[in-house]
Protein backbone atom coordinates (compact mmCIF):
# COMPACT_ATOMS: atom_id res chain seq x y z
CA MET A 1 0.00 0.00 0.00
CA GLN A 2 2.92 2.32 0.67
CA GLY A 3 3.93 4.41 -2.31
CA ILE A 4 0.94 3.70 -4.57
CA LEU A 5 -0.66 7.16 -4.38
CA ILE A 6 1.81 9.90 -5.32
CA LYS A 7 -0.30 13.06 -5.54
CA PRO A 8 -3.81 14.24 -6.49
CA LEU A 9 -4.53 15.83 -9.87
CA PHE A 10 -5.85 19.40 -9.82
CA THR A 11 -6.78 20.18 -13.42
CA GLU A 12 -9.85 21.91 -14.82
CA LYS A 13 -11.22 18.68 -16.28
CA VAL A 14 -10.79 16.71 -13.05
CA THR A 15 -12.25 19.52 -10.94
CA LYS A 16 -15.34 19.65 -13.18
CA SER A 17 -15.80 15.87 -12.99
CA ASN A 18 -15.54 16.06 -9.17
CA THR A 19 -18.82 17.93 -8.98
CA ASP A 20 -20.62 16.42 -11.98
CA GLN A 21 -19.72 12.72 -11.96
CA ASN A 22 -18.12 12.14 -8.53
CA LYS A 23 -14.76 11.23 -10.14
CA TYR A 24 -11.32 12.08 -8.76
CA GLY A 25 -7.87 11.96 -10.33
CA PHE A 26 -4.53 10.87 -8.86
CA VAL A 27 -0.98 10.36 -10.06
CA VAL A 28 -0.08 6.83 -9.00
CA SER A 29 2.88 4.47 -9.22
CA VAL A 30 3.51 3.07 -12.70
CA LYS A 31 3.65 -0.48 -11.31
CA ALA A 32 0.32 -0.26 -9.44
CA ASN A 33 -2.72 -2.04 -10.87
CA LYS A 34 -6.39 -1.06 -10.56
CA ILE A 35 -7.09 -3.33 -7.59
CA GLU A 36 -4.18 -1.93 -5.57
CA ILE A 37 -5.22 1.64 -6.44
CA SER A 38 -8.81 1.12 -5.34
CA ARG A 39 -7.73 -0.49 -2.06
CA ALA A 40 -5.26 2.32 -1.32
CA ILE A 41 -7.87 5.04 -1.93
CA ALA A 42 -10.55 3.23 0.07
CA LYS A 43 -8.17 2.78 3.00
CA LYS A 44 -6.69 6.29 2.96
CA PHE A 45 -9.89 8.34 2.45
CA ASN A 46 -12.48 5.89 3.92
CA VAL A 47 -14.70 5.86 0.81
CA THR A 48 -16.23 3.20 -1.45
CA VAL A 49 -14.60 2.97 -4.91
CA THR A 50 -16.85 1.80 -7.75
CA ALA A 51 -14.51 2.06 -10.76
CA VAL A 52 -10.88 2.84 -11.61
CA ASN A 53 -9.62 3.95 -15.03
CA THR A 54 -5.89 4.31 -15.66
CA VAL A 55 -3.75 6.08 -18.27
CA VAL A 56 0.02 5.72 -18.69
CA ASN A 57 1.78 8.81 -20.08
CA LYS A 58 5.06 7.88 -21.70
CA GLY A 59 8.09 10.12 -21.25
CA LYS A 60 9.12 12.52 -24.00
CA VAL A 61 12.56 12.76 -25.57
CA LYS A 62 14.14 16.13 -24.81
CA THR A 63 17.19 17.61 -26.56
CA GLN A 64 19.39 20.43 -25.32
CA LEU A 65 22.13 22.20 -27.24
CA SER A 66 25.12 23.71 -25.47
CA LYS A 67 28.78 24.54 -26.10
CA GLY A 68 29.77 20.99 -25.32
CA GLY A 69 27.40 19.52 -27.90
CA ARG A 70 23.94 18.01 -27.98
CA PHE A 71 22.49 16.23 -24.96
CA THR A 72 19.41 14.04 -25.17
CA GLY A 73 17.37 12.60 -22.35
CA ASN A 74 13.90 11.42 -21.46
CA THR A 75 11.29 12.81 -19.10
CA ALA A 76 9.84 10.34 -16.62
CA LYS A 77 6.73 8.36 -17.49
CA TYR A 78 3.84 8.42 -15.04
CA LYS A 79 0.43 6.86 -14.52
CA LYS A 80 -2.83 8.67 -13.84
CA ALA A 81 -5.82 7.02 -12.20
CA PHE A 82 -9.38 8.34 -12.43
CA VAL A 83 -11.50 6.96 -9.59
CA SER A 84 -15.30 6.88 -9.43
CA LEU A 85 -16.84 6.87 -5.97
CA LYS A 86 -20.19 5.68 -4.66
CA SER A 87 -22.81 8.43 -4.65
CA GLY A 88 -22.69 10.32 -1.39
CA ASP A 89 -18.98 9.71 -0.81
CA LYS A 90 -16.58 12.64 -1.15
CA ILE A 91 -12.89 13.27 -0.67
CA ASP A 92 -12.37 16.40 1.43
CA LEU A 93 -8.97 17.11 -0.10
CA PHE A 94 -10.64 18.24 -3.33
CA GLU A 95 -13.28 20.39 -1.65
CA GLN A 96 -10.66 22.87 -0.39
CA VAL A 97 -9.42 23.75 -3.90
């Protein structure tokens, strides 16, 4: 359970779905599956999770030019989880934003 949830997502789309569809977004560990994500959220926030949708964003290749030449590297990949809760359940963390 430790290290599955990294941080909550605060975007316009997620904030709108909080009020309309009772869905919340989180950045989670890339190795976590849907069952582990739902258990971690249910345990941490004391809510009932009905569905979990995940998206893996792959890292981009970045290039930088300098006096020493060209350097290439990759940005880190990350996984987003969109969680639907049972009607009536809310996560207070999102209400303060």
